[in-house]
Amino acid sequence: MATRYFTEDHEWLEVDGDTATVGITEHACEQLGDLAFVELPEVGTAGVKGDDVAVVESIKAASDIYMPVSGEITEINTPMGDDCTVLSDGPESSGWIWKMKLSNPSELDSLMDAEAYQTLIS
């Protein structure tokens, strides 16, 4: 069964085994407003927790998207590169940005669950 985690930078990740699906939260999407462009990371990119690997641009601002945990990107949500409504229409479901293989699963311990994230944004 997959477990969902959240970061203080408003990313979410859903972990199943040693694989995580990563995106930005609905709250982040609302704060950005009308999305204009998503710069996707490249498959094969390896990074450590905190590395910036993607950018979401809106009419208001550009926002870096960070690696929530260390690992290697194994898949990207390709349609999003051409149509950022994929992200705005389902930021916490079909609007995932990348999938990754975790290299240090113990880093998950520093992330928030849904309840803690709701407390952060309220």
N, C-alpha and C. Protein backbone atom coordinates (compact mmCIF):
# COMPACT_ATOMS: atom_id res chain seq x y z
N MET A 1 0.84 -1.20 0.00
CA MET A 1 0.00 0.00 0.00
C MET A 1 0.88 1.25 0.00
N ALA A 2 0.50 2.23 -0.78
CA ALA A 2 1.28 3.46 -0.90
C ALA A 2 1.03 4.38 0.30
N THR A 3 2.06 5.10 0.69
CA THR A 3 1.96 6.06 1.78
C THR A 3 2.26 7.45 1.23
N ARG A 4 1.47 8.44 1.63
CA ARG A 4 1.64 9.80 1.13
C ARG A 4 2.33 10.66 2.18
N TYR A 5 3.30 11.45 1.71
CA TYR A 5 4.07 12.37 2.54
C TYR A 5 4.00 13.77 1.93
N PHE A 6 4.32 14.77 2.75
CA PHE A 6 4.32 16.16 2.30
C PHE A 6 5.57 16.88 2.81
N THR A 7 6.00 17.91 2.06
CA THR A 7 7.16 18.71 2.48
C THR A 7 6.71 20.13 2.84
N GLU A 8 7.56 20.85 3.53
CA GLU A 8 7.28 22.25 3.84
C GLU A 8 7.29 23.13 2.59
N ASP A 9 7.89 22.62 1.50
CA ASP A 9 7.92 23.35 0.23
C ASP A 9 6.72 23.02 -0.65
N HIS A 10 5.72 22.33 -0.06
CA HIS A 10 4.45 22.04 -0.72
C HIS A 10 4.54 21.02 -1.85
N GLU A 11 5.50 20.09 -1.71
CA GLU A 11 5.52 18.93 -2.60
C GLU A 11 4.84 17.78 -1.86
N TRP A 12 4.27 16.87 -2.61
CA TRP A 12 3.76 15.63 -2.05
C TRP A 12 4.49 14.48 -2.71
N LEU A 13 4.58 13.40 -2.02
CA LEU A 13 5.10 12.19 -2.65
C LEU A 13 4.35 11.00 -2.11
N GLU A 14 4.07 10.08 -3.01
CA GLU A 14 3.39 8.86 -2.66
C GLU A 14 4.38 7.73 -2.87
N VAL A 15 4.67 7.02 -1.80
CA VAL A 15 5.71 6.00 -1.81
C VAL A 15 5.10 4.61 -1.81
N ASP A 16 5.59 3.80 -2.73
CA ASP A 16 5.18 2.40 -2.81
C ASP A 16 6.47 1.60 -2.99
N GLY A 17 6.88 0.92 -1.93
CA GLY A 17 8.16 0.21 -1.97
C GLY A 17 9.30 1.21 -2.02
N ASP A 18 10.18 1.09 -3.05
CA ASP A 18 11.30 2.03 -3.16
C ASP A 18 11.07 3.05 -4.27
N THR A 19 9.81 3.20 -4.68
CA THR A 19 9.45 4.14 -5.74
C THR A 19 8.53 5.21 -5.18
N ALA A 20 8.76 6.45 -5.59
CA ALA A 20 7.90 7.56 -5.16
C ALA A 20 7.40 8.32 -6.38
N THR A 21 6.14 8.72 -6.32
CA THR A 21 5.55 9.62 -7.31
C THR A 21 5.50 10.99 -6.64
N VAL A 22 5.96 12.03 -7.36
CA VAL A 22 6.13 13.36 -6.76
C VAL A 22 5.34 14.41 -7.53
N GLY A 23 4.77 15.35 -6.80
CA GLY A 23 4.07 16.47 -7.41
C GLY A 23 3.99 17.63 -6.43
N ILE A 24 3.24 18.66 -6.81
CA ILE A 24 3.02 19.78 -5.89
C ILE A 24 1.59 19.69 -5.37
N THR A 25 1.37 20.24 -4.20
CA THR A 25 0.07 20.13 -3.56
C THR A 25 -0.96 21.06 -4.21
N GLU A 26 -2.20 20.76 -3.94
CA GLU A 26 -3.29 21.60 -4.42
C GLU A 26 -3.13 23.02 -3.88
N HIS A 27 -2.70 23.13 -2.62
CA HIS A 27 -2.45 24.44 -2.01
C HIS A 27 -1.42 25.23 -2.82
N ALA A 28 -0.32 24.58 -3.19
CA ALA A 28 0.72 25.25 -3.98
C ALA A 28 0.17 25.70 -5.33
N CYS A 29 -0.61 24.84 -5.94
CA CYS A 29 -1.18 25.15 -7.25
C CYS A 29 -2.11 26.38 -7.15
N GLU A 30 -2.91 26.42 -6.09
CA GLU A 30 -3.80 27.57 -5.88
C GLU A 30 -3.00 28.84 -5.66
N GLN A 31 -1.90 28.76 -4.92
CA GLN A 31 -1.08 29.93 -4.64
C GLN A 31 -0.41 30.46 -5.91
N LEU A 32 -0.04 29.56 -6.81
CA LEU A 32 0.61 29.97 -8.05
C LEU A 32 -0.37 30.65 -9.02
N GLY A 33 -1.63 30.24 -9.00
CA GLY A 33 -2.61 30.81 -9.91
C GLY A 33 -2.54 30.14 -11.27
N ASP A 34 -2.86 30.90 -12.31
CA ASP A 34 -2.90 30.35 -13.67
C ASP A 34 -1.51 29.92 -14.12
N LEU A 35 -1.36 28.63 -14.39
CA LEU A 35 -0.07 28.09 -14.79
C LEU A 35 0.21 28.38 -16.26
N ALA A 36 1.48 28.68 -16.54
CA ALA A 36 1.88 29.01 -17.91
C ALA A 36 2.82 27.96 -18.50
N PHE A 37 3.64 27.32 -17.65
CA PHE A 37 4.68 26.43 -18.16
C PHE A 37 5.20 25.55 -17.03
N VAL A 38 5.53 24.30 -17.36
CA VAL A 38 6.18 23.40 -16.41
C VAL A 38 7.47 22.91 -17.06
N GLU A 39 8.59 23.19 -16.41
CA GLU A 39 9.88 22.67 -16.88
C GLU A 39 10.13 21.37 -16.15
N LEU A 40 10.02 20.26 -16.89
CA LEU A 40 10.16 18.93 -16.30
C LEU A 40 11.63 18.55 -16.16
N PRO A 41 11.94 17.74 -15.16
CA PRO A 41 13.31 17.23 -15.04
C PRO A 41 13.56 16.16 -16.10
N GLU A 42 14.81 15.74 -16.22
CA GLU A 42 15.15 14.69 -17.18
C GLU A 42 15.19 13.34 -16.48
N VAL A 43 14.69 12.32 -17.17
CA VAL A 43 14.80 10.96 -16.67
C VAL A 43 16.29 10.64 -16.50
N GLY A 44 16.64 10.00 -15.41
CA GLY A 44 18.03 9.68 -15.14
C GLY A 44 18.71 10.68 -14.23
N THR A 45 18.05 11.83 -13.99
CA THR A 45 18.62 12.83 -13.08
C THR A 45 18.64 12.25 -11.67
N ALA A 46 19.80 12.27 -11.06
CA ALA A 46 19.94 11.83 -9.67
C ALA A 46 20.17 13.07 -8.82
N GLY A 47 19.57 13.08 -7.65
CA GLY A 47 19.74 14.24 -6.79
C GLY A 47 19.59 13.87 -5.34
N VAL A 48 19.95 14.83 -4.50
CA VAL A 48 19.79 14.65 -3.07
C VAL A 48 18.64 15.53 -2.60
N LYS A 49 18.12 15.19 -1.45
CA LYS A 49 17.02 15.93 -0.87
C LYS A 49 17.33 17.43 -0.88
N GLY A 50 16.41 18.23 -1.42
CA GLY A 50 16.59 19.67 -1.45
C GLY A 50 17.08 20.23 -2.78
N ASP A 51 17.59 19.37 -3.67
CA ASP A 51 18.02 19.85 -4.99
C ASP A 51 16.81 20.35 -5.78
N ASP A 52 16.95 21.47 -6.49
CA ASP A 52 15.86 21.91 -7.35
C ASP A 52 16.00 21.18 -8.68
N VAL A 53 14.88 20.58 -9.13
CA VAL A 53 14.93 19.74 -10.33
C VAL A 53 13.86 20.09 -11.36
N ALA A 54 12.90 20.92 -11.00
CA ALA A 54 11.84 21.29 -11.94
C ALA A 54 11.40 22.71 -11.61
N VAL A 55 10.66 23.33 -12.54
CA VAL A 55 10.15 24.69 -12.33
C VAL A 55 8.70 24.73 -12.82
N VAL A 56 7.86 25.35 -12.01
CA VAL A 56 6.48 25.61 -12.42
C VAL A 56 6.34 27.12 -12.52
N GLU A 57 5.93 27.59 -13.70
CA GLU A 57 5.76 29.03 -13.91
C GLU A 57 4.28 29.34 -14.06
N SER A 58 3.89 30.42 -13.41
CA SER A 58 2.52 30.91 -13.55
C SER A 58 2.59 32.35 -14.04
N ILE A 59 1.43 32.93 -14.24
CA ILE A 59 1.39 34.33 -14.65
C ILE A 59 1.97 35.20 -13.54
N LYS A 60 1.83 34.75 -12.27
CA LYS A 60 2.31 35.51 -11.11
C LYS A 60 3.81 35.34 -10.84
N ALA A 61 4.30 34.09 -10.93
CA ALA A 61 5.66 33.81 -10.45
C ALA A 61 6.16 32.48 -10.99
N ALA A 62 7.45 32.25 -10.78
CA ALA A 62 8.05 30.94 -11.07
C ALA A 62 8.44 30.31 -9.74
N SER A 63 8.27 29.03 -9.64
CA SER A 63 8.56 28.34 -8.40
C SER A 63 9.37 27.07 -8.67
N ASP A 64 10.50 26.94 -7.96
CA ASP A 64 11.31 25.73 -8.08
C ASP A 64 10.61 24.59 -7.37
N ILE A 65 10.77 23.40 -7.93
CA ILE A 65 10.27 22.18 -7.30
C ILE A 65 11.50 21.37 -6.90
N TYR A 66 11.52 20.95 -5.65
CA TYR A 66 12.71 20.32 -5.07
C TYR A 66 12.54 18.81 -4.92
N MET A 67 13.68 18.13 -4.88
CA MET A 67 13.68 16.70 -4.56
C MET A 67 13.26 16.57 -3.09
N PRO A 68 12.16 15.90 -2.82
CA PRO A 68 11.72 15.76 -1.43
C PRO A 68 12.59 14.78 -0.64
N VAL A 69 13.20 13.85 -1.36
CA VAL A 69 14.14 12.88 -0.80
C VAL A 69 15.17 12.57 -1.89
N SER A 70 16.25 11.95 -1.51
CA SER A 70 17.29 11.61 -2.48
C SER A 70 16.87 10.43 -3.35
N GLY A 71 17.33 10.48 -4.61
CA GLY A 71 17.02 9.38 -5.50
C GLY A 71 17.28 9.72 -6.95
N GLU A 72 16.77 8.87 -7.84
CA GLU A 72 16.96 9.05 -9.27
C GLU A 72 15.60 9.08 -9.96
N ILE A 73 15.41 10.07 -10.83
CA ILE A 73 14.17 10.22 -11.57
C ILE A 73 14.09 9.12 -12.63
N THR A 74 12.98 8.37 -12.60
CA THR A 74 12.81 7.24 -13.50
C THR A 74 11.75 7.48 -14.57
N GLU A 75 10.89 8.46 -14.34
CA GLU A 75 9.80 8.72 -15.28
C GLU A 75 9.30 10.15 -15.07
N ILE A 76 8.87 10.80 -16.14
CA ILE A 76 8.26 12.12 -16.02
C ILE A 76 6.86 12.07 -16.63
N ASN A 77 6.02 12.99 -16.21
CA ASN A 77 4.65 13.09 -16.73
C ASN A 77 4.73 13.88 -18.03
N THR A 78 5.13 13.22 -19.11
CA THR A 78 5.43 13.84 -20.39
C THR A 78 4.34 14.79 -20.91
N PRO A 79 3.05 14.43 -20.85
CA PRO A 79 2.03 15.35 -21.37
C PRO A 79 2.06 16.73 -20.72
N MET A 80 2.54 16.80 -19.49
CA MET A 80 2.57 18.07 -18.77
C MET A 80 3.52 19.08 -19.42
N GLY A 81 4.54 18.60 -20.10
CA GLY A 81 5.47 19.50 -20.76
C GLY A 81 4.82 20.32 -21.86
N ASP A 82 3.76 19.78 -22.46
CA ASP A 82 3.04 20.48 -23.53
C ASP A 82 1.76 21.14 -23.06
N ASP A 83 1.23 20.68 -21.93
CA ASP A 83 -0.07 21.16 -21.46
C ASP A 83 -0.09 21.20 -19.93
N CYS A 84 0.18 22.38 -19.37
CA CYS A 84 0.28 22.48 -17.91
C CYS A 84 -1.08 22.37 -17.21
N THR A 85 -2.19 22.32 -17.97
CA THR A 85 -3.47 22.08 -17.31
C THR A 85 -3.52 20.67 -16.73
N VAL A 86 -2.66 19.78 -17.20
CA VAL A 86 -2.55 18.44 -16.59
C VAL A 86 -2.25 18.60 -15.10
N LEU A 87 -1.39 19.56 -14.77
CA LEU A 87 -1.04 19.84 -13.37
C LEU A 87 -2.18 20.55 -12.66
N SER A 88 -2.69 21.62 -13.23
CA SER A 88 -3.72 22.40 -12.53
C SER A 88 -5.03 21.65 -12.37
N ASP A 89 -5.33 20.71 -13.27
CA ASP A 89 -6.58 19.95 -13.17
C ASP A 89 -6.54 18.85 -12.12
N GLY A 90 -5.36 18.41 -11.73
CA GLY A 90 -5.27 17.33 -10.74
C GLY A 90 -3.93 17.31 -10.05
N PRO A 91 -3.58 18.40 -9.32
CA PRO A 91 -2.23 18.49 -8.76
C PRO A 91 -1.82 17.32 -7.85
N GLU A 92 -2.80 16.70 -7.19
CA GLU A 92 -2.43 15.60 -6.28
C GLU A 92 -2.87 14.24 -6.82
N SER A 93 -3.07 14.16 -8.14
CA SER A 93 -3.43 12.88 -8.75
C SER A 93 -2.78 12.79 -10.13
N SER A 94 -3.54 13.07 -11.19
CA SER A 94 -3.02 12.95 -12.55
C SER A 94 -1.93 13.98 -12.85
N GLY A 95 -1.81 15.01 -12.02
CA GLY A 95 -0.81 16.05 -12.22
C GLY A 95 0.53 15.79 -11.54
N TRP A 96 0.84 14.52 -11.30
CA TRP A 96 2.17 14.20 -10.75
C TRP A 96 3.22 14.70 -11.74
N ILE A 97 4.42 15.01 -11.22
CA ILE A 97 5.47 15.58 -12.07
C ILE A 97 6.51 14.54 -12.46
N TRP A 98 6.99 13.77 -11.49
CA TRP A 98 7.96 12.72 -11.80
C TRP A 98 7.82 11.55 -10.85
N LYS A 99 8.42 10.43 -11.27
CA LYS A 99 8.55 9.24 -10.42
C LYS A 99 10.03 9.02 -10.20
N MET A 100 10.35 8.49 -9.03
CA MET A 100 11.77 8.32 -8.71
C MET A 100 11.98 7.06 -7.88
N LYS A 101 13.21 6.56 -7.98
CA LYS A 101 13.65 5.44 -7.15
C LYS A 101 14.39 6.05 -5.96
N LEU A 102 13.95 5.71 -4.76
CA LEU A 102 14.55 6.27 -3.55
C LEU A 102 15.95 5.69 -3.32
N SER A 103 16.88 6.55 -2.93
CA SER A 103 18.22 6.05 -2.60
C SER A 103 18.46 6.05 -1.09
N ASN A 104 17.63 6.78 -0.33
CA ASN A 104 17.79 6.83 1.12
C ASN A 104 16.41 6.91 1.77
N PRO A 105 15.69 5.77 1.84
CA PRO A 105 14.32 5.78 2.37
C PRO A 105 14.19 6.35 3.79
N SER A 106 15.27 6.36 4.57
CA SER A 106 15.17 6.90 5.94
C SER A 106 14.85 8.40 5.93
N GLU A 107 15.09 9.09 4.78
CA GLU A 107 14.76 10.52 4.70
C GLU A 107 13.25 10.76 4.78
N LEU A 108 12.46 9.74 4.51
CA LEU A 108 11.01 9.88 4.60
C LEU A 108 10.57 10.25 6.02
N ASP A 109 11.38 9.85 7.00
CA ASP A 109 11.04 10.12 8.40
C ASP A 109 10.97 11.61 8.72
N SER A 110 11.63 12.45 7.89
CA SER A 110 11.64 13.89 8.16
C SER A 110 10.47 14.62 7.49
N LEU A 111 9.61 13.88 6.77
CA LEU A 111 8.51 14.50 6.05
C LEU A 111 7.22 14.46 6.88
N MET A 112 6.22 15.20 6.44
CA MET A 112 4.95 15.30 7.16
C MET A 112 3.91 14.34 6.60
N ASP A 113 2.97 13.96 7.47
CA ASP A 113 1.80 13.25 6.99
C ASP A 113 0.74 14.30 6.63
N ALA A 114 -0.42 13.85 6.15
CA ALA A 114 -1.46 14.77 5.68
C ALA A 114 -1.95 15.69 6.80
N GLU A 115 -2.08 15.16 8.00
CA GLU A 115 -2.57 15.97 9.13
C GLU A 115 -1.58 17.09 9.46
N ALA A 116 -0.30 16.77 9.51
CA ALA A 116 0.71 17.79 9.81
C ALA A 116 0.76 18.83 8.71
N TYR A 117 0.59 18.42 7.44
CA TYR A 117 0.61 19.35 6.34
C TYR A 117 -0.58 20.30 6.42
N GLN A 118 -1.74 19.77 6.74
CA GLN A 118 -2.94 20.63 6.88
C GLN A 118 -2.72 21.68 7.98
N THR A 119 -2.08 21.27 9.06
CA THR A 119 -1.76 22.22 10.13
C THR A 119 -0.83 23.31 9.63
N LEU A 120 0.16 22.94 8.81
CA LEU A 120 1.12 23.90 8.26
C LEU A 120 0.43 24.96 7.42
N ILE A 121 -0.52 24.55 6.57
CA ILE A 121 -1.12 25.51 5.63
C ILE A 121 -2.31 26.25 6.21
N SER A 122 -2.79 25.85 7.38
CA SER A 122 -3.96 26.54 7.93
C SER A 122 -3.58 27.70 8.82
